[in-house]
Amino acid sequence: MVSSDQSTNPLSRQSSDPAEKKAAGCLEGVCAVPTYKFEQLSGESGAIHILLGDVTYVLRKTQAGKLILNK
């Protein structure tokens, strides 16, 4: 969940770019789905672990800048 206090939540972001807001499904600055920059989540590793139930998935960024999700 995205905090309404942007200063205390480094993972949330608000864009002033109308094209970014439209692409993220935002209306009047309110986004229906939380939006994060992958680099903020992954840091320098270029990968994050996602838990769904008892299964761990790895989401990683390729050299070509695409994302791959593996079990």
PDB file of N, CA and C in Angstrom:
ATOM      1  N   MET A   1       0.841  -1.171   0.000  1.00  0.00           N
ATOM      2  CA  MET A   1       0.000   0.000   0.000  1.00  0.00           C
ATOM      3  C   MET A   1       0.887   1.235   0.000  1.00  0.00           C
ATOM      4  N   VAL A   2       0.514   2.230  -0.721  1.00  0.00           N
ATOM      5  CA  VAL A   2       1.291   3.452  -0.831  1.00  0.00           C
ATOM      6  C   VAL A   2       0.821   4.435   0.220  1.00  0.00           C
ATOM      7  N   SER A   3       1.776   4.959   0.956  1.00  0.00           N
ATOM      8  CA  SER A   3       1.473   5.946   1.975  1.00  0.00           C
ATOM      9  C   SER A   3       1.119   7.272   1.329  1.00  0.00           C
ATOM     10  N   SER A   4       0.210   8.001   1.960  1.00  0.00           N
ATOM     11  CA  SER A   4      -0.124   9.316   1.424  1.00  0.00           C
ATOM     12  C   SER A   4       0.969  10.321   1.737  1.00  0.00           C
ATOM     13  N   ASP A   5       1.854   9.990   2.696  1.00  0.00           N
ATOM     14  CA  ASP A   5       2.961  10.872   3.042  1.00  0.00           C
ATOM     15  C   ASP A   5       4.178  10.466   2.220  1.00  0.00           C
ATOM     16  N   GLN A   6       4.394  11.132   1.098  1.00  0.00           N
ATOM     17  CA  GLN A   6       5.456  10.777   0.164  1.00  0.00           C
ATOM     18  C   GLN A   6       6.846  10.927   0.769  1.00  0.00           C
ATOM     19  N   SER A   7       7.019  11.785   1.770  1.00  0.00           N
ATOM     20  CA  SER A   7       8.341  12.034   2.329  1.00  0.00           C
ATOM     21  C   SER A   7       8.825  10.880   3.186  1.00  0.00           C
ATOM     22  N   THR A   8       7.926  10.070   3.765  1.00  0.00           N
ATOM     23  CA  THR A   8       8.349   8.981   4.631  1.00  0.00           C
ATOM     24  C   THR A   8       8.360   7.638   3.930  1.00  0.00           C
ATOM     25  N   ASN A   9       7.856   7.545   2.728  1.00  0.00           N
ATOM     26  CA  ASN A   9       7.823   6.296   2.001  1.00  0.00           C
ATOM     27  C   ASN A   9       8.665   6.427   0.738  1.00  0.00           C
ATOM     28  N   PRO A  10       9.939   5.946   0.787  1.00  0.00           N
ATOM     29  CA  PRO A  10      10.821   6.125  -0.369  1.00  0.00           C
ATOM     30  C   PRO A  10      10.420   5.307  -1.576  1.00  0.00           C
ATOM     31  N   LEU A  11       9.544   4.309  -1.417  1.00  0.00           N
ATOM     32  CA  LEU A  11       9.167   3.465  -2.540  1.00  0.00           C
ATOM     33  C   LEU A  11       8.034   4.057  -3.358  1.00  0.00           C
ATOM     34  N   SER A  12       7.240   4.912  -2.736  1.00  0.00           N
ATOM     35  CA  SER A  12       6.140   5.503  -3.487  1.00  0.00           C
ATOM     36  C   SER A  12       6.644   6.727  -4.235  1.00  0.00           C
ATOM     37  N   ARG A  13       5.945   7.042  -5.315  1.00  0.00           N
ATOM     38  CA  ARG A  13       6.365   8.207  -6.078  1.00  0.00           C
ATOM     39  C   ARG A  13       5.145   8.832  -6.717  1.00  0.00           C
ATOM     40  N   GLN A  14       5.235  10.110  -6.939  1.00  0.00           N
ATOM     41  CA  GLN A  14       4.214  10.805  -7.709  1.00  0.00           C
ATOM     42  C   GLN A  14       4.916  11.492  -8.853  1.00  0.00           C
ATOM     43  N   SER A  15       4.393  11.337 -10.019  1.00  0.00           N
ATOM     44  CA  SER A  15       4.980  11.944 -11.195  1.00  0.00           C
ATOM     45  C   SER A  15       4.209  13.198 -11.567  1.00  0.00           C
ATOM     46  N   SER A  16       4.931  14.196 -12.033  1.00  0.00           N
ATOM     47  CA  SER A  16       4.262  15.381 -12.544  1.00  0.00           C
ATOM     48  C   SER A  16       4.033  15.265 -14.047  1.00  0.00           C
ATOM     49  N   ASP A  17       4.573  14.206 -14.652  1.00  0.00           N
ATOM     50  CA  ASP A  17       4.441  13.982 -16.093  1.00  0.00           C
ATOM     51  C   ASP A  17       3.068  13.361 -16.393  1.00  0.00           C
ATOM     52  N   PRO A  18       2.195  14.069 -17.115  1.00  0.00           N
ATOM     53  CA  PRO A  18       0.859  13.545 -17.413  1.00  0.00           C
ATOM     54  C   PRO A  18       0.878  12.213 -18.141  1.00  0.00           C
ATOM     55  N   ALA A  19       1.869  11.996 -19.013  1.00  0.00           N
ATOM     56  CA  ALA A  19       1.953  10.728 -19.746  1.00  0.00           C
ATOM     57  C   ALA A  19       2.240   9.574 -18.791  1.00  0.00           C
ATOM     58  N   GLU A  20       3.107   9.797 -17.792  1.00  0.00           N
ATOM     59  CA  GLU A  20       3.401   8.756 -16.807  1.00  0.00           C
ATOM     60  C   GLU A  20       2.166   8.449 -15.973  1.00  0.00           C
ATOM     61  N   LYS A  21       1.437   9.479 -15.571  1.00  0.00           N
ATOM     62  CA  LYS A  21       0.234   9.265 -14.773  1.00  0.00           C
ATOM     63  C   LYS A  21      -0.802   8.482 -15.560  1.00  0.00           C
ATOM     64  N   LYS A  22      -0.968   8.808 -16.837  1.00  0.00           N
ATOM     65  CA  LYS A  22      -1.935   8.097 -17.678  1.00  0.00           C
ATOM     66  C   LYS A  22      -1.518   6.638 -17.822  1.00  0.00           C
ATOM     67  N   ALA A  23      -0.228   6.377 -18.054  1.00  0.00           N
ATOM     68  CA  ALA A  23       0.273   5.013 -18.222  1.00  0.00           C
ATOM     69  C   ALA A  23       0.113   4.207 -16.939  1.00  0.00           C
ATOM     70  N   ALA A  24       0.208   4.865 -15.787  1.00  0.00           N
ATOM     71  CA  ALA A  24       0.091   4.171 -14.506  1.00  0.00           C
ATOM     72  C   ALA A  24      -1.354   4.015 -14.065  1.00  0.00           C
ATOM     73  N   GLY A  25      -2.306   4.507 -14.838  1.00  0.00           N
ATOM     74  CA  GLY A  25      -3.710   4.414 -14.488  1.00  0.00           C
ATOM     75  C   GLY A  25      -4.109   5.401 -13.409  1.00  0.00           C
ATOM     76  N   CYS A  26      -3.463   6.544 -13.388  1.00  0.00           N
ATOM     77  CA  CYS A  26      -3.728   7.551 -12.369  1.00  0.00           C
ATOM     78  C   CYS A  26      -4.749   8.558 -12.879  1.00  0.00           C
ATOM     79  N   LEU A  27      -5.565   9.029 -11.977  1.00  0.00           N
ATOM     80  CA  LEU A  27      -6.552  10.051 -12.295  1.00  0.00           C
ATOM     81  C   LEU A  27      -6.476  11.119 -11.224  1.00  0.00           C
ATOM     82  N   GLU A  28      -6.185  12.331 -11.608  1.00  0.00           N
ATOM     83  CA  GLU A  28      -6.057  13.461 -10.698  1.00  0.00           C
ATOM     84  C   GLU A  28      -5.069  13.176  -9.570  1.00  0.00           C
ATOM     85  N   GLY A  29      -3.946  12.536  -9.906  1.00  0.00           N
ATOM     86  CA  GLY A  29      -2.887  12.283  -8.931  1.00  0.00           C
ATOM     87  C   GLY A  29      -3.116  11.079  -8.046  1.00  0.00           C
ATOM     88  N   VAL A  30      -4.232  10.368  -8.205  1.00  0.00           N
ATOM     89  CA  VAL A  30      -4.524   9.187  -7.392  1.00  0.00           C
ATOM     90  C   VAL A  30      -4.413   7.959  -8.293  1.00  0.00           C
ATOM     91  N   CYS A  31      -3.548   7.025  -7.921  1.00  0.00           N
ATOM     92  CA  CYS A  31      -3.338   5.819  -8.721  1.00  0.00           C
ATOM     93  C   CYS A  31      -4.139   4.661  -8.149  1.00  0.00           C
ATOM     94  N   ALA A  32      -4.791   3.906  -9.026  1.00  0.00           N
ATOM     95  CA  ALA A  32      -5.573   2.751  -8.614  1.00  0.00           C
ATOM     96  C   ALA A  32      -4.674   1.616  -8.146  1.00  0.00           C
ATOM     97  N   VAL A  33      -3.498   1.497  -8.729  1.00  0.00           N
ATOM     98  CA  VAL A  33      -2.546   0.449  -8.393  1.00  0.00           C
ATOM     99  C   VAL A  33      -1.245   1.117  -7.966  1.00  0.00           C
ATOM    100  N   PRO A  34      -0.650   0.679  -6.843  1.00  0.00           N
ATOM    101  CA  PRO A  34       0.627   1.280  -6.442  1.00  0.00           C
ATOM    102  C   PRO A  34       1.664   1.130  -7.551  1.00  0.00           C
ATOM    103  N   THR A  35       2.454   2.154  -7.771  1.00  0.00           N
ATOM    104  CA  THR A  35       3.476   2.145  -8.811  1.00  0.00           C
ATOM    105  C   THR A  35       4.834   2.396  -8.181  1.00  0.00           C
ATOM    106  N   TYR A  36       5.803   1.562  -8.513  1.00  0.00           N
ATOM    107  CA  TYR A  36       7.150   1.669  -7.966  1.00  0.00           C
ATOM    108  C   TYR A  36       8.159   1.626  -9.095  1.00  0.00           C
ATOM    109  N   LYS A  37       9.263   2.295  -8.928  1.00  0.00           N
ATOM    110  CA  LYS A  37      10.370   2.159  -9.869  1.00  0.00           C
ATOM    111  C   LYS A  37      11.127   0.888  -9.481  1.00  0.00           C
ATOM    112  N   PHE A  38      11.393   0.038 -10.462  1.00  0.00           N
ATOM    113  CA  PHE A  38      12.063  -1.234 -10.191  1.00  0.00           C
ATOM    114  C   PHE A  38      13.408  -1.001  -9.504  1.00  0.00           C
ATOM    115  N   GLU A  39      14.127   0.019  -9.937  1.00  0.00           N
ATOM    116  CA  GLU A  39      15.449   0.294  -9.364  1.00  0.00           C
ATOM    117  C   GLU A  39      15.361   0.648  -7.880  1.00  0.00           C
ATOM    118  N   GLN A  40      14.258   1.261  -7.465  1.00  0.00           N
ATOM    119  CA  GLN A  40      14.087   1.568  -6.042  1.00  0.00           C
ATOM    120  C   GLN A  40      13.884   0.292  -5.239  1.00  0.00           C
ATOM    121  N   LEU A  41      13.232  -0.680  -5.805  1.00  0.00           N
ATOM    122  CA  LEU A  41      12.987  -1.936  -5.103  1.00  0.00           C
ATOM    123  C   LEU A  41      14.199  -2.846  -5.122  1.00  0.00           C
ATOM    124  N   SER A  42      14.903  -2.899  -6.241  1.00  0.00           N
ATOM    125  CA  SER A  42      15.990  -3.868  -6.399  1.00  0.00           C
ATOM    126  C   SER A  42      17.353  -3.346  -5.986  1.00  0.00           C
ATOM    127  N   GLY A  43      17.514  -2.036  -5.961  1.00  0.00           N
ATOM    128  CA  GLY A  43      18.838  -1.493  -5.663  1.00  0.00           C
ATOM    129  C   GLY A  43      19.815  -1.877  -6.754  1.00  0.00           C
ATOM    130  N   GLU A  44      21.047  -2.127  -6.362  1.00  0.00           N
ATOM    131  CA  GLU A  44      22.085  -2.479  -7.344  1.00  0.00           C
ATOM    132  C   GLU A  44      22.024  -3.931  -7.784  1.00  0.00           C
ATOM    133  N   SER A  45      21.281  -4.774  -7.062  1.00  0.00           N
ATOM    134  CA  SER A  45      21.252  -6.205  -7.391  1.00  0.00           C
ATOM    135  C   SER A  45      20.539  -6.485  -8.710  1.00  0.00           C
ATOM    136  N   GLY A  46      19.564  -5.642  -9.077  1.00  0.00           N
ATOM    137  CA  GLY A  46      18.821  -5.864 -10.313  1.00  0.00           C
ATOM    138  C   GLY A  46      17.802  -6.975 -10.208  1.00  0.00           C
ATOM    139  N   ALA A  47      17.494  -7.413  -8.972  1.00  0.00           N
ATOM    140  CA  ALA A  47      16.518  -8.485  -8.774  1.00  0.00           C
ATOM    141  C   ALA A  47      15.799  -8.282  -7.448  1.00  0.00           C
ATOM    142  N   ILE A  48      14.557  -8.788  -7.385  1.00  0.00           N
ATOM    143  CA  ILE A  48      13.812  -8.790  -6.132  1.00  0.00           C
ATOM    144  C   ILE A  48      13.132 -10.140  -5.971  1.00  0.00           C
ATOM    145  N   HIS A  49      12.862 -10.524  -4.733  1.00  0.00           N
ATOM    146  CA  HIS A  49      12.099 -11.731  -4.436  1.00  0.00           C
ATOM    147  C   HIS A  49      10.675 -11.305  -4.116  1.00  0.00           C
ATOM    148  N   ILE A  50       9.724 -12.060  -4.652  1.00  0.00           N
ATOM    149  CA  ILE A  50       8.310 -11.804  -4.422  1.00  0.00           C
ATOM    150  C   ILE A  50       7.709 -13.072  -3.835  1.00  0.00           C
ATOM    151  N   LEU A  51       7.066 -12.947  -2.684  1.00  0.00           N
ATOM    152  CA  LEU A  51       6.429 -14.096  -2.051  1.00  0.00           C
ATOM    153  C   LEU A  51       4.947 -14.100  -2.382  1.00  0.00           C
ATOM    154  N   LEU A  52       4.458 -15.245  -2.838  1.00  0.00           N
ATOM    155  CA  LEU A  52       3.037 -15.447  -3.086  1.00  0.00           C
ATOM    156  C   LEU A  52       2.667 -16.753  -2.403  1.00  0.00           C
ATOM    157  N   GLY A  53       1.997 -16.641  -1.275  1.00  0.00           N
ATOM    158  CA  GLY A  53       1.736 -17.830  -0.465  1.00  0.00           C
ATOM    159  C   GLY A  53       3.059 -18.362   0.047  1.00  0.00           C
ATOM    160  N   ASP A  54       3.350 -19.619  -0.247  1.00  0.00           N
ATOM    161  CA  ASP A  54       4.621 -20.203   0.185  1.00  0.00           C
ATOM    162  C   ASP A  54       5.609 -20.350  -0.969  1.00  0.00           C
ATOM    163  N   VAL A  55       5.336 -19.694  -2.085  1.00  0.00           N
ATOM    164  CA  VAL A  55       6.206 -19.764  -3.265  1.00  0.00           C
ATOM    165  C   VAL A  55       6.956 -18.444  -3.416  1.00  0.00           C
ATOM    166  N   THR A  56       8.270 -18.554  -3.662  1.00  0.00           N
ATOM    167  CA  THR A  56       9.103 -17.378  -3.891  1.00  0.00           C
ATOM    168  C   THR A  56       9.412 -17.257  -5.373  1.00  0.00           C
ATOM    169  N   TYR A  57       9.161 -16.081  -5.913  1.00  0.00           N
ATOM    170  CA  TYR A  57       9.486 -15.773  -7.305  1.00  0.00           C
ATOM    171  C   TYR A  57      10.621 -14.768  -7.324  1.00  0.00           C
ATOM    172  N   VAL A  58      11.407 -14.790  -8.386  1.00  0.00           N
ATOM    173  CA  VAL A  58      12.483 -13.820  -8.562  1.00  0.00           C
ATOM    174  C   VAL A  58      12.168 -12.994  -9.806  1.00  0.00           C
ATOM    175  N   LEU A  59      12.098 -11.682  -9.617  1.00  0.00           N
ATOM    176  CA  LEU A  59      11.893 -10.755 -10.727  1.00  0.00           C
ATOM    177  C   LEU A  59      13.216 -10.057 -10.958  1.00  0.00           C
ATOM    178  N   ARG A  60      13.775 -10.229 -12.159  1.00  0.00           N
ATOM    179  CA  ARG A  60      15.083  -9.628 -12.411  1.00  0.00           C
ATOM    180  C   ARG A  60      15.074  -8.857 -13.724  1.00  0.00           C
ATOM    181  N   LYS A  61      15.962  -7.883 -13.775  1.00  0.00           N
ATOM    182  CA  LYS A  61      16.106  -7.045 -14.965  1.00  0.00           C
ATOM    183  C   LYS A  61      17.248  -7.605 -15.816  1.00  0.00           C
ATOM    184  N   THR A  62      16.987  -7.769 -17.115  1.00  0.00           N
ATOM    185  CA  THR A  62      18.015  -8.278 -18.017  1.00  0.00           C
ATOM    186  C   THR A  62      18.915  -7.133 -18.485  1.00  0.00           C
ATOM    187  N   GLN A  63      20.008  -7.493 -19.156  1.00  0.00           N
ATOM    188  CA  GLN A  63      20.897  -6.482 -19.717  1.00  0.00           C
ATOM    189  C   GLN A  63      20.190  -5.643 -20.767  1.00  0.00           C
ATOM    190  N   ALA A  64      19.171  -6.219 -21.397  1.00  0.00           N
ATOM    191  CA  ALA A  64      18.403  -5.493 -22.422  1.00  0.00           C
ATOM    192  C   ALA A  64      17.342  -4.586 -21.812  1.00  0.00           C
ATOM    193  N   GLY A  65      17.236  -4.581 -20.455  1.00  0.00           N
ATOM    194  CA  GLY A  65      16.289  -3.698 -19.790  1.00  0.00           C
ATOM    195  C   GLY A  65      14.885  -4.265 -19.667  1.00  0.00           C
ATOM    196  N   LYS A  66      14.731  -5.570 -19.895  1.00  0.00           N
ATOM    197  CA  LYS A  66      13.430  -6.220 -19.769  1.00  0.00           C
ATOM    198  C   LYS A  66      13.366  -6.932 -18.416  1.00  0.00           C
ATOM    199  N   LEU A  67      12.148  -7.285 -18.007  1.00  0.00           N
ATOM    200  CA  LEU A  67      11.976  -8.002 -16.741  1.00  0.00           C
ATOM    201  C   LEU A  67      11.616  -9.453 -16.990  1.00  0.00           C
ATOM    202  N   ILE A  68      12.191 -10.346 -16.169  1.00  0.00           N
ATOM    203  CA  ILE A  68      11.906 -11.778 -16.259  1.00  0.00           C
ATOM    204  C   ILE A  68      11.490 -12.255 -14.874  1.00  0.00           C
ATOM    205  N   LEU A  69      10.380 -12.989 -14.809  1.00  0.00           N
ATOM    206  CA  LEU A  69       9.886 -13.551 -13.558  1.00  0.00           C
ATOM    207  C   LEU A  69      10.091 -15.065 -13.587  1.00  0.00           C
ATOM    208  N   ASN A  70      10.807 -15.593 -12.578  1.00  0.00           N
ATOM    209  CA  ASN A  70      11.067 -17.027 -12.477  1.00  0.00           C
ATOM    210  C   ASN A  70      10.599 -17.545 -11.128  1.00  0.00           C
ATOM    211  N   LYS A  71      10.203 -18.790 -11.118  1.00  0.00           N
ATOM    212  CA  LYS A  71       9.820 -19.455  -9.883  1.00  0.00           C
ATOM    213  C   LYS A  71      11.063 -19.941  -9.170  1.00  0.00           C
TER     214      LYS A  71
END
